[in-house]
Amino acid sequence: MVKRDMMITEFSQSNQMMFGHRFRAIGAVEHLGDSTKCAHYVAWGRSDNGWFEYDDDKTPQQKARLPNGLKNIVTLVLEKL
């Protein structure tokens, strides 16, 4: 059973068991803004050494892990292990 209140950081830091299989997060899209008409999206991608934040034309920033404050994840890409 999938926990609906599971924090995204739980997926970013360790593998999770769902539907009888182990998964890990390898990508995410975060929605920033008050509505879909006035919003900004940031993409996150897993690398061998952590996570990269992709934000428009800014140079991708590498992070050791996903920030704890991510709340509005609209897409979560999982890899079945």
PDB file of N, CA and C in Angstrom:
ATOM      1  N   MET A   1       0.839  -1.179   0.000  1.00  0.00           N
ATOM      2  CA  MET A   1       0.000   0.000   0.000  1.00  0.00           C
ATOM      3  C   MET A   1       0.886   1.244   0.000  1.00  0.00           C
ATOM      4  N   VAL A   2       0.539   2.232  -0.796  1.00  0.00           N
ATOM      5  CA  VAL A   2       1.304   3.473  -0.893  1.00  0.00           C
ATOM      6  C   VAL A   2       0.800   4.460   0.144  1.00  0.00           C
ATOM      7  N   LYS A   3       1.723   5.039   0.908  1.00  0.00           N
ATOM      8  CA  LYS A   3       1.344   6.066   1.872  1.00  0.00           C
ATOM      9  C   LYS A   3       1.109   7.366   1.121  1.00  0.00           C
ATOM     10  N   ARG A   4      -0.069   7.941   1.250  1.00  0.00           N
ATOM     11  CA  ARG A   4      -0.364   9.186   0.543  1.00  0.00           C
ATOM     12  C   ARG A   4       0.418  10.361   1.102  1.00  0.00           C
ATOM     13  N   ASP A   5       0.766  10.322   2.366  1.00  0.00           N
ATOM     14  CA  ASP A   5       1.467  11.450   2.976  1.00  0.00           C
ATOM     15  C   ASP A   5       2.981  11.265   2.969  1.00  0.00           C
ATOM     16  N   MET A   6       3.484  10.309   2.206  1.00  0.00           N
ATOM     17  CA  MET A   6       4.922  10.064   2.153  1.00  0.00           C
ATOM     18  C   MET A   6       5.626  11.287   1.584  1.00  0.00           C
ATOM     19  N   MET A   7       6.662  11.719   2.234  1.00  0.00           N
ATOM     20  CA  MET A   7       7.419  12.873   1.769  1.00  0.00           C
ATOM     21  C   MET A   7       8.300  12.476   0.593  1.00  0.00           C
ATOM     22  N   ILE A   8       8.479  13.389  -0.333  1.00  0.00           N
ATOM     23  CA  ILE A   8       9.331  13.137  -1.495  1.00  0.00           C
ATOM     24  C   ILE A   8      10.750  12.816  -1.059  1.00  0.00           C
ATOM     25  N   THR A   9      11.202  13.375   0.041  1.00  0.00           N
ATOM     26  CA  THR A   9      12.569  13.121   0.490  1.00  0.00           C
ATOM     27  C   THR A   9      12.763  11.665   0.883  1.00  0.00           C
ATOM     28  N   GLU A  10      11.706  10.977   1.283  1.00  0.00           N
ATOM     29  CA  GLU A  10      11.823   9.553   1.592  1.00  0.00           C
ATOM     30  C   GLU A  10      12.190   8.770   0.335  1.00  0.00           C
ATOM     31  N   PHE A  11      11.643   9.167  -0.803  1.00  0.00           N
ATOM     32  CA  PHE A  11      11.988   8.521  -2.066  1.00  0.00           C
ATOM     33  C   PHE A  11      13.377   8.910  -2.528  1.00  0.00           C
ATOM     34  N   SER A  12      13.799  10.122  -2.241  1.00  0.00           N
ATOM     35  CA  SER A  12      15.090  10.580  -2.754  1.00  0.00           C
ATOM     36  C   SER A  12      16.256  10.004  -1.977  1.00  0.00           C
ATOM     37  N   GLN A  13      16.030   9.622  -0.732  1.00  0.00           N
ATOM     38  CA  GLN A  13      17.121   9.161   0.116  1.00  0.00           C
ATOM     39  C   GLN A  13      17.233   7.650   0.190  1.00  0.00           C
ATOM     40  N   SER A  14      16.153   6.944  -0.065  1.00  0.00           N
ATOM     41  CA  SER A  14      16.206   5.490   0.050  1.00  0.00           C
ATOM     42  C   SER A  14      15.208   4.855  -0.911  1.00  0.00           C
ATOM     43  N   ASN A  15      15.325   3.565  -1.076  1.00  0.00           N
ATOM     44  CA  ASN A  15      14.389   2.813  -1.901  1.00  0.00           C
ATOM     45  C   ASN A  15      13.116   2.592  -1.101  1.00  0.00           C
ATOM     46  N   GLN A  16      11.991   2.532  -1.795  1.00  0.00           N
ATOM     47  CA  GLN A  16      10.709   2.332  -1.145  1.00  0.00           C
ATOM     48  C   GLN A  16      10.023   1.105  -1.724  1.00  0.00           C
ATOM     49  N   MET A  17       9.311   0.381  -0.870  1.00  0.00           N
ATOM     50  CA  MET A  17       8.573  -0.801  -1.286  1.00  0.00           C
ATOM     51  C   MET A  17       7.145  -0.385  -1.635  1.00  0.00           C
ATOM     52  N   MET A  18       6.719  -0.711  -2.867  1.00  0.00           N
ATOM     53  CA  MET A  18       5.345  -0.464  -3.304  1.00  0.00           C
ATOM     54  C   MET A  18       4.916  -1.606  -4.204  1.00  0.00           C
ATOM     55  N   PHE A  19       3.703  -2.064  -4.019  1.00  0.00           N
ATOM     56  CA  PHE A  19       3.136  -3.095  -4.885  1.00  0.00           C
ATOM     57  C   PHE A  19       4.023  -4.334  -4.974  1.00  0.00           C
ATOM     58  N   GLY A  20       4.724  -4.635  -3.889  1.00  0.00           N
ATOM     59  CA  GLY A  20       5.568  -5.814  -3.845  1.00  0.00           C
ATOM     60  C   GLY A  20       6.919  -5.666  -4.524  1.00  0.00           C
ATOM     61  N   HIS A  21       7.293  -4.458  -4.918  1.00  0.00           N
ATOM     62  CA  HIS A  21       8.574  -4.208  -5.585  1.00  0.00           C
ATOM     63  C   HIS A  21       9.254  -2.998  -4.958  1.00  0.00           C
ATOM     64  N   ARG A  22      10.563  -2.916  -5.136  1.00  0.00           N
ATOM     65  CA  ARG A  22      11.326  -1.763  -4.652  1.00  0.00           C
ATOM     66  C   ARG A  22      11.474  -0.746  -5.777  1.00  0.00           C
ATOM     67  N   PHE A  23      11.313   0.527  -5.414  1.00  0.00           N
ATOM     68  CA  PHE A  23      11.451   1.636  -6.350  1.00  0.00           C
ATOM     69  C   PHE A  23      12.340   2.700  -5.741  1.00  0.00           C
ATOM     70  N   ARG A  24      12.925   3.520  -6.620  1.00  0.00           N
ATOM     71  CA  ARG A  24      13.616   4.716  -6.152  1.00  0.00           C
ATOM     72  C   ARG A  24      13.279   5.849  -7.111  1.00  0.00           C
ATOM     73  N   ALA A  25      13.243   7.050  -6.582  1.00  0.00           N
ATOM     74  CA  ALA A  25      12.960   8.224  -7.404  1.00  0.00           C
ATOM     75  C   ALA A  25      14.187   8.573  -8.230  1.00  0.00           C
ATOM     76  N   ILE A  26      13.962   8.868  -9.505  1.00  0.00           N
ATOM     77  CA  ILE A  26      15.063   9.303 -10.366  1.00  0.00           C
ATOM     78  C   ILE A  26      14.769  10.661 -11.004  1.00  0.00           C
ATOM     79  N   GLY A  27      13.555  11.170 -10.816  1.00  0.00           N
ATOM     80  CA  GLY A  27      13.211  12.473 -11.366  1.00  0.00           C
ATOM     81  C   GLY A  27      11.941  13.011 -10.745  1.00  0.00           C
ATOM     82  N   ALA A  28      11.794  14.329 -10.783  1.00  0.00           N
ATOM     83  CA  ALA A  28      10.600  14.966 -10.243  1.00  0.00           C
ATOM     84  C   ALA A  28      10.412  16.317 -10.921  1.00  0.00           C
ATOM     85  N   VAL A  29       9.150  16.752 -10.999  1.00  0.00           N
ATOM     86  CA  VAL A  29       8.823  18.088 -11.480  1.00  0.00           C
ATOM     87  C   VAL A  29       8.054  18.777 -10.367  1.00  0.00           C
ATOM     88  N   GLU A  30       8.531  19.956  -9.985  1.00  0.00           N
ATOM     89  CA  GLU A  30       7.932  20.726  -8.891  1.00  0.00           C
ATOM     90  C   GLU A  30       7.195  21.935  -9.463  1.00  0.00           C
ATOM     91  N   HIS A  31       5.968  22.158  -9.001  1.00  0.00           N
ATOM     92  CA  HIS A  31       5.149  23.302  -9.411  1.00  0.00           C
ATOM     93  C   HIS A  31       5.304  24.404  -8.372  1.00  0.00           C
ATOM     94  N   LEU A  32       5.689  25.577  -8.826  1.00  0.00           N
ATOM     95  CA  LEU A  32       5.823  26.735  -7.943  1.00  0.00           C
ATOM     96  C   LEU A  32       4.853  27.804  -8.430  1.00  0.00           C
ATOM     97  N   GLY A  33       3.965  28.256  -7.577  1.00  0.00           N
ATOM     98  CA  GLY A  33       3.009  29.289  -7.970  1.00  0.00           C
ATOM     99  C   GLY A  33       1.646  29.027  -7.376  1.00  0.00           C
ATOM    100  N   ASP A  34       0.753  29.997  -7.586  1.00  0.00           N
ATOM    101  CA  ASP A  34      -0.580  29.927  -6.993  1.00  0.00           C
ATOM    102  C   ASP A  34      -1.597  29.184  -7.851  1.00  0.00           C
ATOM    103  N   SER A  35      -1.344  29.091  -9.158  1.00  0.00           N
ATOM    104  CA  SER A  35      -2.287  28.411 -10.037  1.00  0.00           C
ATOM    105  C   SER A  35      -1.538  27.885 -11.257  1.00  0.00           C
ATOM    106  N   THR A  36      -2.242  27.137 -12.090  1.00  0.00           N
ATOM    107  CA  THR A  36      -1.606  26.632 -13.307  1.00  0.00           C
ATOM    108  C   THR A  36      -1.441  27.726 -14.353  1.00  0.00           C
ATOM    109  N   LYS A  37      -2.182  28.827 -14.219  1.00  0.00           N
ATOM    110  CA  LYS A  37      -2.081  29.939 -15.168  1.00  0.00           C
ATOM    111  C   LYS A  37      -0.936  30.885 -14.826  1.00  0.00           C
ATOM    112  N   CYS A  38      -0.528  30.882 -13.589  1.00  0.00           N
ATOM    113  CA  CYS A  38       0.561  31.751 -13.139  1.00  0.00           C
ATOM    114  C   CYS A  38       1.495  30.897 -12.291  1.00  0.00           C
ATOM    115  N   ALA A  39       2.399  30.191 -12.966  1.00  0.00           N
ATOM    116  CA  ALA A  39       3.231  29.234 -12.235  1.00  0.00           C
ATOM    117  C   ALA A  39       4.599  29.096 -12.889  1.00  0.00           C
ATOM    118  N   HIS A  40       5.445  28.381 -12.206  1.00  0.00           N
ATOM    119  CA  HIS A  40       6.793  28.095 -12.670  1.00  0.00           C
ATOM    120  C   HIS A  40       7.076  26.638 -12.317  1.00  0.00           C
ATOM    121  N   TYR A  41       7.791  25.949 -13.166  1.00  0.00           N
ATOM    122  CA  TYR A  41       8.108  24.552 -12.929  1.00  0.00           C
ATOM    123  C   TYR A  41       9.618  24.369 -12.865  1.00  0.00           C
ATOM    124  N   VAL A  42      10.058  23.526 -11.948  1.00  0.00           N
ATOM    125  CA  VAL A  42      11.470  23.188 -11.780  1.00  0.00           C
ATOM    126  C   VAL A  42      11.574  21.671 -11.864  1.00  0.00           C
ATOM    127  N   ALA A  43      12.552  21.184 -12.606  1.00  0.00           N
ATOM    128  CA  ALA A  43      12.760  19.735 -12.735  1.00  0.00           C
ATOM    129  C   ALA A  43      13.956  19.310 -11.894  1.00  0.00           C
ATOM    130  N   TRP A  44      13.872  18.100 -11.355  1.00  0.00           N
ATOM    131  CA  TRP A  44      14.947  17.507 -10.559  1.00  0.00           C
ATOM    132  C   TRP A  44      15.314  16.175 -11.186  1.00  0.00           C
ATOM    133  N   GLY A  45      16.603  15.891 -11.297  1.00  0.00           N
ATOM    134  CA  GLY A  45      17.057  14.624 -11.860  1.00  0.00           C
ATOM    135  C   GLY A  45      18.165  14.020 -11.019  1.00  0.00           C
ATOM    136  N   ARG A  46      18.069  12.728 -10.779  1.00  0.00           N
ATOM    137  CA  ARG A  46      19.072  12.019  -9.976  1.00  0.00           C
ATOM    138  C   ARG A  46      20.325  11.784 -10.806  1.00  0.00           C
ATOM    139  N   SER A  47      21.464  11.922 -10.168  1.00  0.00           N
ATOM    140  CA  SER A  47      22.746  11.581 -10.788  1.00  0.00           C
ATOM    141  C   SER A  47      23.463  10.616  -9.850  1.00  0.00           C
ATOM    142  N   ASP A  48      24.638  10.179 -10.228  1.00  0.00           N
ATOM    143  CA  ASP A  48      25.399   9.271  -9.364  1.00  0.00           C
ATOM    144  C   ASP A  48      25.774   9.920  -8.035  1.00  0.00           C
ATOM    145  N   ASN A  49      25.931  11.242  -8.029  1.00  0.00           N
ATOM    146  CA  ASN A  49      26.406  11.939  -6.828  1.00  0.00           C
ATOM    147  C   ASN A  49      25.352  12.802  -6.154  1.00  0.00           C
ATOM    148  N   GLY A  50      24.094  12.608  -6.446  1.00  0.00           N
ATOM    149  CA  GLY A  50      23.051  13.414  -5.819  1.00  0.00           C
ATOM    150  C   GLY A  50      21.965  13.773  -6.813  1.00  0.00           C
ATOM    151  N   TRP A  51      21.489  15.006  -6.732  1.00  0.00           N
ATOM    152  CA  TRP A  51      20.392  15.489  -7.559  1.00  0.00           C
ATOM    153  C   TRP A  51      20.788  16.785  -8.249  1.00  0.00           C
ATOM    154  N   PHE A  52      20.260  16.987  -9.462  1.00  0.00           N
ATOM    155  CA  PHE A  52      20.446  18.244 -10.169  1.00  0.00           C
ATOM    156  C   PHE A  52      19.110  18.962 -10.253  1.00  0.00           C
ATOM    157  N   GLU A  53      19.152  20.271 -10.021  1.00  0.00           N
ATOM    158  CA  GLU A  53      17.977  21.126 -10.148  1.00  0.00           C
ATOM    159  C   GLU A  53      18.066  21.851 -11.490  1.00  0.00           C
ATOM    160  N   TYR A  54      17.048  21.673 -12.331  1.00  0.00           N
ATOM    161  CA  TYR A  54      16.994  22.313 -13.644  1.00  0.00           C
ATOM    162  C   TYR A  54      15.915  23.390 -13.605  1.00  0.00           C
ATOM    163  N   ASP A  55      16.340  24.644 -13.741  1.00  0.00           N
ATOM    164  CA  ASP A  55      15.438  25.778 -13.597  1.00  0.00           C
ATOM    165  C   ASP A  55      15.673  26.751 -14.754  1.00  0.00           C
ATOM    166  N   ASP A  56      14.882  26.624 -15.799  1.00  0.00           N
ATOM    167  CA  ASP A  56      14.966  27.475 -16.989  1.00  0.00           C
ATOM    168  C   ASP A  56      16.376  27.533 -17.555  1.00  0.00           C
ATOM    169  N   ASP A  57      16.889  28.732 -17.789  1.00  0.00           N
ATOM    170  CA  ASP A  57      18.192  28.868 -18.427  1.00  0.00           C
ATOM    171  C   ASP A  57      19.346  28.973 -17.438  1.00  0.00           C
ATOM    172  N   LYS A  58      19.068  28.743 -16.163  1.00  0.00           N
ATOM    173  CA  LYS A  58      20.129  28.759 -15.150  1.00  0.00           C
ATOM    174  C   LYS A  58      20.988  27.499 -15.283  1.00  0.00           C
ATOM    175  N   THR A  59      22.233  27.614 -14.909  1.00  0.00           N
ATOM    176  CA  THR A  59      23.117  26.452 -14.895  1.00  0.00           C
ATOM    177  C   THR A  59      22.582  25.442 -13.885  1.00  0.00           C
ATOM    178  N   PRO A  60      22.456  24.160 -14.273  1.00  0.00           N
ATOM    179  CA  PRO A  60      21.958  23.159 -13.319  1.00  0.00           C
ATOM    180  C   PRO A  60      22.787  23.155 -12.036  1.00  0.00           C
ATOM    181  N   GLN A  61      22.086  23.117 -10.917  1.00  0.00           N
ATOM    182  CA  GLN A  61      22.727  23.120  -9.605  1.00  0.00           C
ATOM    183  C   GLN A  61      22.682  21.721  -9.011  1.00  0.00           C
ATOM    184  N   GLN A  62      23.834  21.229  -8.570  1.00  0.00           N
ATOM    185  CA  GLN A  62      23.867  19.905  -7.954  1.00  0.00           C
ATOM    186  C   GLN A  62      23.628  20.019  -6.460  1.00  0.00           C
ATOM    187  N   LYS A  63      22.789  19.131  -5.944  1.00  0.00           N
ATOM    188  CA  LYS A  63      22.464  19.062  -4.517  1.00  0.00           C
ATOM    189  C   LYS A  63      22.770  17.650  -4.035  1.00  0.00           C
ATOM    190  N   ALA A  64      23.123  17.531  -2.771  1.00  0.00           N
ATOM    191  CA  ALA A  64      23.383  16.204  -2.209  1.00  0.00           C
ATOM    192  C   ALA A  64      22.098  15.376  -2.167  1.00  0.00           C
ATOM    193  N   ARG A  65      20.974  16.057  -1.912  1.00  0.00           N
ATOM    194  CA  ARG A  65      19.675  15.383  -1.881  1.00  0.00           C
ATOM    195  C   ARG A  65      18.588  16.402  -2.161  1.00  0.00           C
ATOM    196  N   LEU A  66      17.384  15.932  -2.365  1.00  0.00           N
ATOM    197  CA  LEU A  66      16.276  16.850  -2.605  1.00  0.00           C
ATOM    198  C   LEU A  66      15.989  17.645  -1.340  1.00  0.00           C
ATOM    199  N   PRO A  67      15.639  18.915  -1.469  1.00  0.00           N
ATOM    200  CA  PRO A  67      15.298  19.709  -0.284  1.00  0.00           C
ATOM    201  C   PRO A  67      14.068  19.157   0.424  1.00  0.00           C
ATOM    202  N   ASN A  68      14.005  19.323   1.733  1.00  0.00           N
ATOM    203  CA  ASN A  68      12.868  18.837   2.524  1.00  0.00           C
ATOM    204  C   ASN A  68      11.581  19.588   2.235  1.00  0.00           C
ATOM    205  N   GLY A  69      11.671  20.820   1.730  1.00  0.00           N
ATOM    206  CA  GLY A  69      10.486  21.653   1.558  1.00  0.00           C
ATOM    207  C   GLY A  69       9.695  21.431   0.285  1.00  0.00           C
ATOM    208  N   LEU A  70      10.042  20.436  -0.529  1.00  0.00           N
ATOM    209  CA  LEU A  70       9.288  20.208  -1.763  1.00  0.00           C
ATOM    210  C   LEU A  70       7.883  19.733  -1.417  1.00  0.00           C
ATOM    211  N   LYS A  71       6.879  20.476  -1.864  1.00  0.00           N
ATOM    212  CA  LYS A  71       5.500  20.120  -1.521  1.00  0.00           C
ATOM    213  C   LYS A  71       4.628  19.887  -2.741  1.00  0.00           C
ATOM    214  N   ASN A  72       4.890  20.601  -3.801  1.00  0.00           N
ATOM    215  CA  ASN A  72       4.008  20.559  -4.959  1.00  0.00           C
ATOM    216  C   ASN A  72       4.623  19.779  -6.114  1.00  0.00           C
ATOM    217  N   ILE A  73       4.883  18.509  -5.879  1.00  0.00           N
ATOM    218  CA  ILE A  73       5.430  17.647  -6.918  1.00  0.00           C
ATOM    219  C   ILE A  73       4.280  17.221  -7.828  1.00  0.00           C
ATOM    220  N   VAL A  74       4.384  17.562  -9.115  1.00  0.00           N
ATOM    221  CA  VAL A  74       3.326  17.196 -10.056  1.00  0.00           C
ATOM    222  C   VAL A  74       3.664  15.926 -10.827  1.00  0.00           C
ATOM    223  N   THR A  75       4.943  15.601 -10.906  1.00  0.00           N
ATOM    224  CA  THR A  75       5.376  14.374 -11.570  1.00  0.00           C
ATOM    225  C   THR A  75       6.531  13.773 -10.790  1.00  0.00           C
ATOM    226  N   LEU A  76       6.447  12.492 -10.528  1.00  0.00           N
ATOM    227  CA  LEU A  76       7.519  11.771  -9.857  1.00  0.00           C
ATOM    228  C   LEU A  76       7.888  10.585 -10.741  1.00  0.00           C
ATOM    229  N   VAL A  77       9.141  10.525 -11.152  1.00  0.00           N
ATOM    230  CA  VAL A  77       9.609   9.442 -12.017  1.00  0.00           C
ATOM    231  C   VAL A  77      10.310   8.414 -11.142  1.00  0.00           C
ATOM    232  N   LEU A  78       9.816   7.175 -11.176  1.00  0.00           N
ATOM    233  CA  LEU A  78      10.359   6.107 -10.344  1.00  0.00           C
ATOM    234  C   LEU A  78      11.043   5.058 -11.209  1.00  0.00           C
ATOM    235  N   GLU A  79      12.075   4.477 -10.656  1.00  0.00           N
ATOM    236  CA  GLU A  79      12.784   3.376 -11.300  1.00  0.00           C
ATOM    237  C   GLU A  79      12.528   2.119 -10.485  1.00  0.00           C
ATOM    238  N   LYS A  80      12.061   1.058 -11.151  1.00  0.00           N
ATOM    239  CA  LYS A  80      11.849  -0.222 -10.478  1.00  0.00           C
ATOM    240  C   LYS A  80      13.194  -0.919 -10.359  1.00  0.00           C
ATOM    241  N   LEU A  81      13.526  -1.350  -9.154  1.00  0.00           N
ATOM    242  CA  LEU A  81      14.818  -1.992  -8.907  1.00  0.00           C
ATOM    243  C   LEU A  81      14.703  -3.501  -8.958  1.00  0.00           C
TER     244      LEU A  81
END
